[in-house]
């Protein structure tokens, strides 16, 4: 609650999760495409395969956030735990310099990352 008040006071926009999801879904309503994971070659070193899988999962999470999915829904779609989704989101927020899901969704839409392609 305090974070929301501070954001509004700083001139930022605050939307509840339902409104955010509705806005984002409206943006991508006609752009729902199946998401394909990036191929990982079995001959690549293990660390490289893990980074590739992690990057692929992060890209898919960014696309799902932009489409308005919640953590639990993303976890179910990706067959991972909700905590793993939260860990990815934390890392994504840090790497992209965004502070919340709305900023991440807008970043994804602006950079055409919202379809998972």
PDB file of N, CA and C in Angstrom:
ATOM      1  N   UNK A   1       0.826  -1.190   0.000  1.00  0.00           N
ATOM      2  CA  UNK A   1       0.000   0.000   0.000  1.00  0.00           C
ATOM      3  C   UNK A   1       0.871   1.256   0.000  1.00  0.00           C
ATOM      4  N   UNK A   2       1.883   1.256   0.859  1.00  0.00           N
ATOM      5  CA  UNK A   2       2.764   2.424   0.951  1.00  0.00           C
ATOM      6  C   UNK A   2       3.503   2.638  -0.368  1.00  0.00           C
ATOM      7  N   UNK A   3       3.978   1.549  -0.966  1.00  0.00           N
ATOM      8  CA  UNK A   3       4.675   1.644  -2.253  1.00  0.00           C
ATOM      9  C   UNK A   3       3.762   2.271  -3.304  1.00  0.00           C
ATOM     10  N   UNK A   4       2.490   1.878  -3.310  1.00  0.00           N
ATOM     11  CA  UNK A   4       1.530   2.423  -4.271  1.00  0.00           C
ATOM     12  C   UNK A   4       1.332   3.918  -4.059  1.00  0.00           C
ATOM     13  N   UNK A   5       1.200   4.311  -2.820  1.00  0.00           N
ATOM     14  CA  UNK A   5       1.014   5.738  -2.501  1.00  0.00           C
ATOM     15  C   UNK A   5       2.237   6.535  -2.946  1.00  0.00           C
ATOM     16  N   UNK A   6       3.420   5.993  -2.677  1.00  0.00           N
ATOM     17  CA  UNK A   6       4.650   6.686  -3.090  1.00  0.00           C
ATOM     18  C   UNK A   6       4.735   6.820  -4.607  1.00  0.00           C
ATOM     19  N   UNK A   7       4.344   5.780  -5.322  1.00  0.00           N
ATOM     20  CA  UNK A   7       4.376   5.826  -6.794  1.00  0.00           C
ATOM     21  C   UNK A   7       3.442   6.917  -7.314  1.00  0.00           C
ATOM     22  N   UNK A   8       2.214   6.956  -6.779  1.00  0.00           N
ATOM     23  CA  UNK A   8       1.248   7.962  -7.212  1.00  0.00           C
ATOM     24  C   UNK A   8       1.754   9.364  -6.858  1.00  0.00           C
ATOM     25  N   UNK A   9       2.301   9.507  -5.668  1.00  0.00           N
ATOM     26  CA  UNK A   9       2.831  10.801  -5.244  1.00  0.00           C
ATOM     27  C   UNK A   9       3.970  11.252  -6.156  1.00  0.00           C
ATOM     28  N   UNK A  10       4.752  10.295  -6.665  1.00  0.00           N
ATOM     29  CA  UNK A  10       5.868  10.620  -7.557  1.00  0.00           C
ATOM     30  C   UNK A  10       5.407  10.848  -8.996  1.00  0.00           C
ATOM     31  N   UNK A  11       4.099  10.780  -9.219  1.00  0.00           N
ATOM     32  CA  UNK A  11       3.582  11.032 -10.562  1.00  0.00           C
ATOM     33  C   UNK A  11       3.466   9.797 -11.424  1.00  0.00           C
ATOM     34  N   UNK A  12       3.716   8.631 -10.854  1.00  0.00           N
ATOM     35  CA  UNK A  12       3.598   7.396 -11.615  1.00  0.00           C
ATOM     36  C   UNK A  12       2.152   6.906 -11.587  1.00  0.00           C
ATOM     37  N   UNK A  13       1.877   5.959 -12.453  1.00  0.00           N
ATOM     38  CA  UNK A  13       0.536   5.386 -12.530  1.00  0.00           C
ATOM     39  C   UNK A  13       0.482   4.139 -11.671  1.00  0.00           C
ATOM     40  N   UNK A  14      -0.606   3.978 -10.929  1.00  0.00           N
ATOM     41  CA  UNK A  14      -0.804   2.760 -10.151  1.00  0.00           C
ATOM     42  C   UNK A  14      -2.112   2.139 -10.592  1.00  0.00           C
ATOM     43  N   UNK A  15      -2.052   0.865 -10.932  1.00  0.00           N
ATOM     44  CA  UNK A  15      -3.250   0.108 -11.302  1.00  0.00           C
ATOM     45  C   UNK A  15      -3.266  -1.178 -10.487  1.00  0.00           C
ATOM     46  N   UNK A  16      -4.461  -1.596 -10.068  1.00  0.00           N
ATOM     47  CA  UNK A  16      -4.545  -2.873  -9.373  1.00  0.00           C
ATOM     48  C   UNK A  16      -4.287  -4.000 -10.370  1.00  0.00           C
ATOM     49  N   UNK A  17      -4.059  -5.204  -9.869  1.00  0.00           N
ATOM     50  CA  UNK A  17      -3.656  -6.315 -10.733  1.00  0.00           C
ATOM     51  C   UNK A  17      -4.718  -6.668 -11.769  1.00  0.00           C
ATOM     52  N   UNK A  18      -5.991  -6.541 -11.417  1.00  0.00           N
ATOM     53  CA  UNK A  18      -7.049  -6.866 -12.373  1.00  0.00           C
ATOM     54  C   UNK A  18      -7.081  -5.870 -13.533  1.00  0.00           C
ATOM     55  N   UNK A  19      -6.935  -4.594 -13.213  1.00  0.00           N
ATOM     56  CA  UNK A  19      -6.928  -3.566 -14.248  1.00  0.00           C
ATOM     57  C   UNK A  19      -5.686  -3.703 -15.126  1.00  0.00           C
ATOM     58  N   UNK A  20      -4.529  -3.958 -14.491  1.00  0.00           N
ATOM     59  CA  UNK A  20      -3.298  -4.147 -15.248  1.00  0.00           C
ATOM     60  C   UNK A  20      -3.452  -5.298 -16.231  1.00  0.00           C
ATOM     61  N   UNK A  21      -3.986  -6.413 -15.749  1.00  0.00           N
ATOM     62  CA  UNK A  21      -4.177  -7.578 -16.617  1.00  0.00           C
ATOM     63  C   UNK A  21      -5.110  -7.242 -17.776  1.00  0.00           C
ATOM     64  N   UNK A  22      -6.188  -6.511 -17.497  1.00  0.00           N
ATOM     65  CA  UNK A  22      -7.139  -6.150 -18.551  1.00  0.00           C
ATOM     66  C   UNK A  22      -6.484  -5.240 -19.592  1.00  0.00           C
ATOM     67  N   UNK A  23      -5.700  -4.271 -19.132  1.00  0.00           N
ATOM     68  CA  UNK A  23      -5.019  -3.354 -20.053  1.00  0.00           C
ATOM     69  C   UNK A  23      -4.035  -4.120 -20.934  1.00  0.00           C
ATOM     70  N   UNK A  24      -3.245  -4.978 -20.326  1.00  0.00           N
ATOM     71  CA  UNK A  24      -2.247  -5.723 -21.081  1.00  0.00           C
ATOM     72  C   UNK A  24      -2.911  -6.678 -22.058  1.00  0.00           C
ATOM     73  N   UNK A  25      -3.959  -7.366 -21.619  1.00  0.00           N
ATOM     74  CA  UNK A  25      -4.658  -8.286 -22.524  1.00  0.00           C
ATOM     75  C   UNK A  25      -5.248  -7.538 -23.718  1.00  0.00           C
ATOM     76  N   UNK A  26      -5.701  -6.325 -23.481  1.00  0.00           N
ATOM     77  CA  UNK A  26      -6.238  -5.514 -24.575  1.00  0.00           C
ATOM     78  C   UNK A  26      -5.147  -5.227 -25.609  1.00  0.00           C
ATOM     79  N   UNK A  27      -3.918  -4.948 -25.113  1.00  0.00           N
ATOM     80  CA  UNK A  27      -2.794  -4.682 -26.015  1.00  0.00           C
ATOM     81  C   UNK A  27      -2.487  -5.872 -26.905  1.00  0.00           C
ATOM     82  N   UNK A  28      -2.597  -7.061 -26.345  1.00  0.00           N
ATOM     83  CA  UNK A  28      -2.161  -8.244 -27.076  1.00  0.00           C
ATOM     84  C   UNK A  28      -3.316  -9.133 -27.525  1.00  0.00           C
ATOM     85  N   UNK A  29      -4.526  -8.615 -27.476  1.00  0.00           N
ATOM     86  CA  UNK A  29      -5.715  -9.415 -27.769  1.00  0.00           C
ATOM     87  C   UNK A  29      -5.646 -10.105 -29.120  1.00  0.00           C
ATOM     88  N   UNK A  30      -5.138  -9.437 -30.125  1.00  0.00           N
ATOM     89  CA  UNK A  30      -5.095 -10.022 -31.461  1.00  0.00           C
ATOM     90  C   UNK A  30      -3.740 -10.630 -31.808  1.00  0.00           C
ATOM     91  N   UNK A  31      -2.891 -10.739 -30.809  1.00  0.00           N
ATOM     92  CA  UNK A  31      -1.540 -11.202 -31.075  1.00  0.00           C
ATOM     93  C   UNK A  31      -1.185 -12.412 -30.228  1.00  0.00           C
ATOM     94  N   UNK A  32      -2.146 -13.300 -30.001  1.00  0.00           N
ATOM     95  CA  UNK A  32      -1.930 -14.499 -29.199  1.00  0.00           C
ATOM     96  C   UNK A  32      -1.340 -15.589 -30.081  1.00  0.00           C
ATOM     97  N   UNK A  33      -0.058 -15.842 -29.934  1.00  0.00           N
ATOM     98  CA  UNK A  33       0.604 -16.884 -30.719  1.00  0.00           C
ATOM     99  C   UNK A  33       1.217 -17.900 -29.775  1.00  0.00           C
ATOM    100  N   UNK A  34       1.300 -19.162 -30.195  1.00  0.00           N
ATOM    101  CA  UNK A  34       1.952 -20.150 -29.344  1.00  0.00           C
ATOM    102  C   UNK A  34       3.412 -19.783 -29.134  1.00  0.00           C
ATOM    103  N   UNK A  35       3.881 -20.054 -27.933  1.00  0.00           N
ATOM    104  CA  UNK A  35       5.254 -19.706 -27.608  1.00  0.00           C
ATOM    105  C   UNK A  35       6.152 -20.897 -27.809  1.00  0.00           C
ATOM    106  N   UNK A  36       7.217 -20.677 -28.544  1.00  0.00           N
ATOM    107  CA  UNK A  36       8.173 -21.748 -28.791  1.00  0.00           C
ATOM    108  C   UNK A  36       9.435 -21.472 -27.989  1.00  0.00           C
ATOM    109  N   UNK A  37       9.908 -22.460 -27.312  1.00  0.00           N
ATOM    110  CA  UNK A  37      11.145 -22.317 -26.559  1.00  0.00           C
ATOM    111  C   UNK A  37      12.316 -22.367 -27.529  1.00  0.00           C
ATOM    112  N   UNK A  38      13.372 -21.660 -27.191  1.00  0.00           N
ATOM    113  CA  UNK A  38      14.567 -21.685 -28.029  1.00  0.00           C
ATOM    114  C   UNK A  38      15.181 -23.074 -27.968  1.00  0.00           C
ATOM    115  N   UNK A  39      15.646 -23.593 -29.105  1.00  0.00           N
ATOM    116  CA  UNK A  39      16.230 -24.932 -29.090  1.00  0.00           C
ATOM    117  C   UNK A  39      17.542 -24.959 -28.301  1.00  0.00           C
ATOM    118  N   UNK A  40      17.758 -26.045 -27.603  1.00  0.00           N
ATOM    119  CA  UNK A  40      18.987 -26.225 -26.843  1.00  0.00           C
ATOM    120  C   UNK A  40      19.660 -27.470 -27.393  1.00  0.00           C
ATOM    121  N   UNK A  41      20.885 -27.328 -27.852  1.00  0.00           N
ATOM    122  CA  UNK A  41      21.582 -28.467 -28.440  1.00  0.00           C
ATOM    123  C   UNK A  41      22.191 -29.335 -27.350  1.00  0.00           C
ATOM    124  N   UNK A  42      22.023 -30.639 -27.492  1.00  0.00           N
ATOM    125  CA  UNK A  42      22.516 -31.585 -26.500  1.00  0.00           C
ATOM    126  C   UNK A  42      24.037 -31.612 -26.427  1.00  0.00           C
ATOM    127  N   UNK A  43      24.712 -31.161 -27.465  1.00  0.00           N
ATOM    128  CA  UNK A  43      26.171 -31.209 -27.475  1.00  0.00           C
ATOM    129  C   UNK A  43      26.803 -30.013 -26.782  1.00  0.00           C
ATOM    130  N   UNK A  44      26.028 -28.995 -26.454  1.00  0.00           N
ATOM    131  CA  UNK A  44      26.572 -27.819 -25.785  1.00  0.00           C
ATOM    132  C   UNK A  44      26.959 -28.185 -24.351  1.00  0.00           C
ATOM    133  N   UNK A  45      27.978 -27.514 -23.799  1.00  0.00           N
ATOM    134  CA  UNK A  45      28.349 -27.782 -22.410  1.00  0.00           C
ATOM    135  C   UNK A  45      27.149 -27.545 -21.484  1.00  0.00           C
ATOM    136  N   UNK A  46      27.138 -28.267 -20.372  1.00  0.00           N
ATOM    137  CA  UNK A  46      25.992 -28.213 -19.452  1.00  0.00           C
ATOM    138  C   UNK A  46      25.677 -26.783 -19.000  1.00  0.00           C
ATOM    139  N   UNK A  47      26.680 -26.022 -18.613  1.00  0.00           N
ATOM    140  CA  UNK A  47      26.453 -24.651 -18.152  1.00  0.00           C
ATOM    141  C   UNK A  47      25.793 -23.807 -19.239  1.00  0.00           C
ATOM    142  N   UNK A  48      26.228 -24.015 -20.477  1.00  0.00           N
ATOM    143  CA  UNK A  48      25.647 -23.275 -21.602  1.00  0.00           C
ATOM    144  C   UNK A  48      24.181 -23.665 -21.811  1.00  0.00           C
ATOM    145  N   UNK A  49      23.888 -24.963 -21.708  1.00  0.00           N
ATOM    146  CA  UNK A  49      22.496 -25.425 -21.845  1.00  0.00           C
ATOM    147  C   UNK A  49      21.617 -24.841 -20.745  1.00  0.00           C
ATOM    148  N   UNK A  50      22.138 -24.798 -19.528  1.00  0.00           N
ATOM    149  CA  UNK A  50      21.379 -24.246 -18.404  1.00  0.00           C
ATOM    150  C   UNK A  50      21.094 -22.757 -18.618  1.00  0.00           C
ATOM    151  N   UNK A  51      22.099 -22.007 -19.084  1.00  0.00           N
ATOM    152  CA  UNK A  51      21.893 -20.574 -19.355  1.00  0.00           C
ATOM    153  C   UNK A  51      20.854 -20.384 -20.444  1.00  0.00           C
ATOM    154  N   UNK A  52      20.923 -21.222 -21.469  1.00  0.00           N
ATOM    155  CA  UNK A  52      19.981 -21.130 -22.575  1.00  0.00           C
ATOM    156  C   UNK A  52      18.557 -21.425 -22.099  1.00  0.00           C
ATOM    157  N   UNK A  53      18.407 -22.462 -21.269  1.00  0.00           N
ATOM    158  CA  UNK A  53      17.083 -22.794 -20.723  1.00  0.00           C
ATOM    159  C   UNK A  53      16.563 -21.670 -19.849  1.00  0.00           C
ATOM    160  N   UNK A  54      17.445 -21.113 -19.031  1.00  0.00           N
ATOM    161  CA  UNK A  54      17.056 -20.025 -18.138  1.00  0.00           C
ATOM    162  C   UNK A  54      16.635 -18.794 -18.939  1.00  0.00           C
ATOM    163  N   UNK A  55      17.400 -18.469 -19.978  1.00  0.00           N
ATOM    164  CA  UNK A  55      17.070 -17.320 -20.832  1.00  0.00           C
ATOM    165  C   UNK A  55      15.741 -17.555 -21.534  1.00  0.00           C
ATOM    166  N   UNK A  56      15.526 -18.777 -21.991  1.00  0.00           N
ATOM    167  CA  UNK A  56      14.274 -19.114 -22.660  1.00  0.00           C
ATOM    168  C   UNK A  56      13.098 -18.989 -21.694  1.00  0.00           C
ATOM    169  N   UNK A  57      13.278 -19.484 -20.469  1.00  0.00           N
ATOM    170  CA  UNK A  57      12.217 -19.385 -19.460  1.00  0.00           C
ATOM    171  C   UNK A  57      11.947 -17.924 -19.127  1.00  0.00           C
ATOM    172  N   UNK A  58      13.005 -17.136 -18.990  1.00  0.00           N
ATOM    173  CA  UNK A  58      12.826 -15.710 -18.681  1.00  0.00           C
ATOM    174  C   UNK A  58      12.083 -14.997 -19.802  1.00  0.00           C
ATOM    175  N   UNK A  59      12.429 -15.298 -21.039  1.00  0.00           N
ATOM    176  CA  UNK A  59      11.741 -14.675 -22.175  1.00  0.00           C
ATOM    177  C   UNK A  59      10.259 -15.053 -22.175  1.00  0.00           C
ATOM    178  N   UNK A  60       9.976 -16.290 -21.869  1.00  0.00           N
ATOM    179  CA  UNK A  60       8.584 -16.737 -21.839  1.00  0.00           C
ATOM    180  C   UNK A  60       7.833 -16.063 -20.692  1.00  0.00           C
ATOM    181  N   UNK A  61       8.486 -15.911 -19.550  1.00  0.00           N
ATOM    182  CA  UNK A  61       7.859 -15.239 -18.410  1.00  0.00           C
ATOM    183  C   UNK A  61       7.558 -13.790 -18.751  1.00  0.00           C
ATOM    184  N   UNK A  62       8.495 -13.111 -19.410  1.00  0.00           N
ATOM    185  CA  UNK A  62       8.253 -11.716 -19.822  1.00  0.00           C
ATOM    186  C   UNK A  62       7.015 -11.661 -20.717  1.00  0.00           C
ATOM    187  N   UNK A  63       6.924 -12.563 -21.677  1.00  0.00           N
ATOM    188  CA  UNK A  63       5.771 -12.575 -22.583  1.00  0.00           C
ATOM    189  C   UNK A  63       4.476 -12.859 -21.819  1.00  0.00           C
ATOM    190  N   UNK A  64       4.511 -13.779 -20.884  1.00  0.00           N
ATOM    191  CA  UNK A  64       3.298 -14.114 -20.122  1.00  0.00           C
ATOM    192  C   UNK A  64       2.870 -12.965 -19.215  1.00  0.00           C
ATOM    193  N   UNK A  65       3.836 -12.271 -18.609  1.00  0.00           N
ATOM    194  CA  UNK A  65       3.505 -11.096 -17.797  1.00  0.00           C
ATOM    195  C   UNK A  65       2.828 -10.058 -18.681  1.00  0.00           C
ATOM    196  N   UNK A  66       3.378  -9.840 -19.870  1.00  0.00           N
ATOM    197  CA  UNK A  66       2.808  -8.855 -20.795  1.00  0.00           C
ATOM    198  C   UNK A  66       1.405  -9.242 -21.241  1.00  0.00           C
ATOM    199  N   UNK A  67       1.090 -10.526 -21.189  1.00  0.00           N
ATOM    200  CA  UNK A  67      -0.246 -10.988 -21.562  1.00  0.00           C
ATOM    201  C   UNK A  67      -1.196 -11.008 -20.365  1.00  0.00           C
ATOM    202  N   UNK A  68      -0.704 -10.607 -19.184  1.00  0.00           N
ATOM    203  CA  UNK A  68      -1.554 -10.468 -18.018  1.00  0.00           C
ATOM    204  C   UNK A  68      -1.664 -11.689 -17.126  1.00  0.00           C
ATOM    205  N   UNK A  69      -0.809 -12.677 -17.312  1.00  0.00           N
ATOM    206  CA  UNK A  69      -0.875 -13.874 -16.478  1.00  0.00           C
ATOM    207  C   UNK A  69      -0.305 -13.615 -15.089  1.00  0.00           C
ATOM    208  N   UNK A  70      -0.830 -14.306 -14.102  1.00  0.00           N
ATOM    209  CA  UNK A  70      -0.339 -14.226 -12.735  1.00  0.00           C
ATOM    210  C   UNK A  70       0.727 -15.297 -12.526  1.00  0.00           C
ATOM    211  N   UNK A  71       1.495 -15.161 -11.435  1.00  0.00           N
ATOM    212  CA  UNK A  71       2.586 -16.091 -11.152  1.00  0.00           C
ATOM    213  C   UNK A  71       2.116 -17.542 -11.158  1.00  0.00           C
ATOM    214  N   UNK A  72       1.020 -17.808 -10.484  1.00  0.00           N
ATOM    215  CA  UNK A  72       0.520 -19.179 -10.387  1.00  0.00           C
ATOM    216  C   UNK A  72       0.162 -19.730 -11.770  1.00  0.00           C
ATOM    217  N   UNK A  73      -0.474 -18.902 -12.590  1.00  0.00           N
ATOM    218  CA  UNK A  73      -0.845 -19.321 -13.943  1.00  0.00           C
ATOM    219  C   UNK A  73       0.394 -19.598 -14.792  1.00  0.00           C
ATOM    220  N   UNK A  74       1.416 -18.740 -14.654  1.00  0.00           N
ATOM    221  CA  UNK A  74       2.653 -18.945 -15.408  1.00  0.00           C
ATOM    222  C   UNK A  74       3.322 -20.242 -14.979  1.00  0.00           C
ATOM    223  N   UNK A  75       3.356 -20.483 -13.682  1.00  0.00           N
ATOM    224  CA  UNK A  75       3.977 -21.702 -13.166  1.00  0.00           C
ATOM    225  C   UNK A  75       3.286 -22.933 -13.737  1.00  0.00           C
ATOM    226  N   UNK A  76       1.967 -22.908 -13.770  1.00  0.00           N
ATOM    227  CA  UNK A  76       1.215 -24.044 -14.306  1.00  0.00           C
ATOM    228  C   UNK A  76       1.477 -24.233 -15.800  1.00  0.00           C
ATOM    229  N   UNK A  77       1.509 -23.135 -16.560  1.00  0.00           N
ATOM    230  CA  UNK A  77       1.751 -23.221 -18.006  1.00  0.00           C
ATOM    231  C   UNK A  77       3.149 -23.750 -18.315  1.00  0.00           C
ATOM    232  N   UNK A  78       4.111 -23.392 -17.471  1.00  0.00           N
ATOM    233  CA  UNK A  78       5.507 -23.721 -17.747  1.00  0.00           C
ATOM    234  C   UNK A  78       5.982 -24.979 -17.001  1.00  0.00           C
ATOM    235  N   UNK A  79       5.107 -25.554 -16.183  1.00  0.00           N
ATOM    236  CA  UNK A  79       5.454 -26.754 -15.409  1.00  0.00           C
ATOM    237  C   UNK A  79       6.647 -26.511 -14.488  1.00  0.00           C
ATOM    238  N   UNK A  80       6.631 -25.335 -13.824  1.00  0.00           N
ATOM    239  CA  UNK A  80       7.653 -25.003 -12.831  1.00  0.00           C
ATOM    240  C   UNK A  80       6.930 -24.520 -11.585  1.00  0.00           C
ATOM    241  N   UNK A  81       7.667 -24.356 -10.495  1.00  0.00           N
ATOM    242  CA  UNK A  81       7.028 -23.894  -9.259  1.00  0.00           C
ATOM    243  C   UNK A  81       6.774 -22.394  -9.316  1.00  0.00           C
ATOM    244  N   UNK A  82       5.837 -21.954  -8.510  1.00  0.00           N
ATOM    245  CA  UNK A  82       5.540 -20.522  -8.421  1.00  0.00           C
ATOM    246  C   UNK A  82       6.762 -19.768  -7.900  1.00  0.00           C
ATOM    247  N   UNK A  83       7.519 -20.387  -6.994  1.00  0.00           N
ATOM    248  CA  UNK A  83       8.732 -19.754  -6.472  1.00  0.00           C
ATOM    249  C   UNK A  83       9.768 -19.554  -7.577  1.00  0.00           C
ATOM    250  N   UNK A  84       9.865 -20.498  -8.492  1.00  0.00           N
ATOM    251  CA  UNK A  84      10.789 -20.356  -9.617  1.00  0.00           C
ATOM    252  C   UNK A  84      10.379 -19.174 -10.498  1.00  0.00           C
ATOM    253  N   UNK A  85       9.083 -19.013 -10.709  1.00  0.00           N
ATOM    254  CA  UNK A  85       8.587 -17.852 -11.462  1.00  0.00           C
ATOM    255  C   UNK A  85       8.995 -16.573 -10.744  1.00  0.00           C
ATOM    256  N   UNK A  86       8.804 -16.532  -9.426  1.00  0.00           N
ATOM    257  CA  UNK A  86       9.169 -15.341  -8.638  1.00  0.00           C
ATOM    258  C   UNK A  86      10.666 -15.057  -8.743  1.00  0.00           C
ATOM    259  N   UNK A  87      11.474 -16.121  -8.702  1.00  0.00           N
ATOM    260  CA  UNK A  87      12.926 -15.934  -8.831  1.00  0.00           C
ATOM    261  C   UNK A  87      13.285 -15.340 -10.188  1.00  0.00           C
ATOM    262  N   UNK A  88      12.671 -15.876 -11.244  1.00  0.00           N
ATOM    263  CA  UNK A  88      12.913 -15.332 -12.590  1.00  0.00           C
ATOM    264  C   UNK A  88      12.492 -13.863 -12.651  1.00  0.00           C
ATOM    265  N   UNK A  89      11.317 -13.548 -12.117  1.00  0.00           N
ATOM    266  CA  UNK A  89      10.829 -12.168 -12.152  1.00  0.00           C
ATOM    267  C   UNK A  89      11.793 -11.228 -11.428  1.00  0.00           C
ATOM    268  N   UNK A  90      12.263 -11.645 -10.268  1.00  0.00           N
ATOM    269  CA  UNK A  90      13.209 -10.824  -9.513  1.00  0.00           C
ATOM    270  C   UNK A  90      14.451 -10.526 -10.364  1.00  0.00           C
ATOM    271  N   UNK A  91      14.993 -11.570 -10.994  1.00  0.00           N
ATOM    272  CA  UNK A  91      16.179 -11.394 -11.841  1.00  0.00           C
ATOM    273  C   UNK A  91      15.882 -10.525 -13.064  1.00  0.00           C
ATOM    274  N   UNK A  92      14.720 -10.718 -13.662  1.00  0.00           N
ATOM    275  CA  UNK A  92      14.324  -9.926 -14.830  1.00  0.00           C
ATOM    276  C   UNK A  92      14.191  -8.459 -14.453  1.00  0.00           C
ATOM    277  N   UNK A  93      13.516  -8.179 -13.327  1.00  0.00           N
ATOM    278  CA  UNK A  93      13.361  -6.794 -12.867  1.00  0.00           C
ATOM    279  C   UNK A  93      14.732  -6.137 -12.703  1.00  0.00           C
ATOM    280  N   UNK A  94      15.667  -6.865 -12.072  1.00  0.00           N
ATOM    281  CA  UNK A  94      17.011  -6.318 -11.863  1.00  0.00           C
ATOM    282  C   UNK A  94      17.729  -6.053 -13.179  1.00  0.00           C
ATOM    283  N   UNK A  95      17.681  -7.017 -14.088  1.00  0.00           N
ATOM    284  CA  UNK A  95      18.414  -6.885 -15.353  1.00  0.00           C
ATOM    285  C   UNK A  95      17.846  -5.798 -16.249  1.00  0.00           C
ATOM    286  N   UNK A  96      16.519  -5.650 -16.244  1.00  0.00           N
ATOM    287  CA  UNK A  96      15.898  -4.657 -17.126  1.00  0.00           C
ATOM    288  C   UNK A  96      15.706  -3.302 -16.459  1.00  0.00           C
ATOM    289  N   UNK A  97      15.921  -3.234 -15.167  1.00  0.00           N
ATOM    290  CA  UNK A  97      15.769  -1.966 -14.454  1.00  0.00           C
ATOM    291  C   UNK A  97      14.327  -1.522 -14.322  1.00  0.00           C
ATOM    292  N   UNK A  98      13.414  -2.488 -14.205  1.00  0.00           N
ATOM    293  CA  UNK A  98      12.008  -2.157 -13.992  1.00  0.00           C
ATOM    294  C   UNK A  98      11.660  -2.505 -12.554  1.00  0.00           C
ATOM    295  N   UNK A  99      10.606  -1.870 -12.029  1.00  0.00           N
ATOM    296  CA  UNK A  99      10.297  -2.077 -10.616  1.00  0.00           C
ATOM    297  C   UNK A  99       9.020  -2.869 -10.367  1.00  0.00           C
ATOM    298  N   UNK A 100       8.217  -3.085 -11.408  1.00  0.00           N
ATOM    299  CA  UNK A 100       6.993  -3.848 -11.191  1.00  0.00           C
ATOM    300  C   UNK A 100       6.524  -4.490 -12.491  1.00  0.00           C
ATOM    301  N   UNK A 101       5.448  -5.267 -12.380  1.00  0.00           N
ATOM    302  CA  UNK A 101       4.940  -6.026 -13.518  1.00  0.00           C
ATOM    303  C   UNK A 101       4.443  -5.122 -14.638  1.00  0.00           C
ATOM    304  N   UNK A 102       3.825  -3.995 -14.289  1.00  0.00           N
ATOM    305  CA  UNK A 102       3.325  -3.083 -15.311  1.00  0.00           C
ATOM    306  C   UNK A 102       4.480  -2.526 -16.138  1.00  0.00           C
ATOM    307  N   UNK A 103       5.535  -2.099 -15.463  1.00  0.00           N
ATOM    308  CA  UNK A 103       6.703  -1.595 -16.196  1.00  0.00           C
ATOM    309  C   UNK A 103       7.296  -2.686 -17.078  1.00  0.00           C
ATOM    310  N   UNK A 104       7.348  -3.911 -16.556  1.00  0.00           N
ATOM    311  CA  UNK A 104       7.865  -5.025 -17.343  1.00  0.00           C
ATOM    312  C   UNK A 104       6.981  -5.279 -18.558  1.00  0.00           C
ATOM    313  N   UNK A 105       5.668  -5.256 -18.364  1.00  0.00           N
ATOM    314  CA  UNK A 105       4.737  -5.484 -19.470  1.00  0.00           C
ATOM    315  C   UNK A 105       4.876  -4.392 -20.530  1.00  0.00           C
ATOM    316  N   UNK A 106       4.970  -3.153 -20.102  1.00  0.00           N
ATOM    317  CA  UNK A 106       5.120  -2.054 -21.055  1.00  0.00           C
ATOM    318  C   UNK A 106       6.458  -2.148 -21.786  1.00  0.00           C
ATOM    319  N   UNK A 107       7.511  -2.524 -21.067  1.00  0.00           N
ATOM    320  CA  UNK A 107       8.823  -2.747 -21.693  1.00  0.00           C
ATOM    321  C   UNK A 107       8.707  -3.837 -22.758  1.00  0.00           C
ATOM    322  N   UNK A 108       8.039  -4.932 -22.412  1.00  0.00           N
ATOM    323  CA  UNK A 108       7.897  -6.051 -23.339  1.00  0.00           C
ATOM    324  C   UNK A 108       7.127  -5.632 -24.582  1.00  0.00           C
ATOM    325  N   UNK A 109       6.058  -4.897 -24.403  1.00  0.00           N
ATOM    326  CA  UNK A 109       5.244  -4.460 -25.541  1.00  0.00           C
ATOM    327  C   UNK A 109       6.041  -3.478 -26.402  1.00  0.00           C
ATOM    328  N   UNK A 110       6.725  -2.547 -25.757  1.00  0.00           N
ATOM    329  CA  UNK A 110       7.525  -1.552 -26.481  1.00  0.00           C
ATOM    330  C   UNK A 110       8.631  -2.219 -27.295  1.00  0.00           C
ATOM    331  N   UNK A 111       9.187  -3.305 -26.771  1.00  0.00           N
ATOM    332  CA  UNK A 111      10.286  -4.006 -27.438  1.00  0.00           C
ATOM    333  C   UNK A 111       9.822  -5.263 -28.181  1.00  0.00           C
ATOM    334  N   UNK A 112       8.510  -5.377 -28.383  1.00  0.00           N
ATOM    335  CA  UNK A 112       7.915  -6.492 -29.117  1.00  0.00           C
ATOM    336  C   UNK A 112       8.325  -7.856 -28.540  1.00  0.00           C
ATOM    337  N   UNK A 113       8.326  -7.968 -27.230  1.00  0.00           N
ATOM    338  CA  UNK A 113       8.665  -9.225 -26.560  1.00  0.00           C
ATOM    339  C   UNK A 113       7.423  -9.906 -26.015  1.00  0.00           C
ATOM    340  N   UNK A 114       6.266  -9.331 -26.231  1.00  0.00           N
ATOM    341  CA  UNK A 114       5.043  -9.814 -25.592  1.00  0.00           C
ATOM    342  C   UNK A 114       4.437 -11.041 -26.248  1.00  0.00           C
ATOM    343  N   UNK A 115       4.955 -11.473 -27.384  1.00  0.00           N
ATOM    344  CA  UNK A 115       4.374 -12.649 -28.033  1.00  0.00           C
ATOM    345  C   UNK A 115       5.204 -13.898 -27.789  1.00  0.00           C
ATOM    346  N   UNK A 116       6.357 -13.759 -27.186  1.00  0.00           N
ATOM    347  CA  UNK A 116       7.196 -14.907 -26.890  1.00  0.00           C
ATOM    348  C   UNK A 116       7.945 -15.446 -28.094  1.00  0.00           C
ATOM    349  N   UNK A 117       7.955 -14.712 -29.197  1.00  0.00           N
ATOM    350  CA  UNK A 117       8.665 -15.163 -30.394  1.00  0.00           C
ATOM    351  C   UNK A 117      10.082 -14.702 -30.389  1.00  0.00           C
TER     352      UNK A 117
END
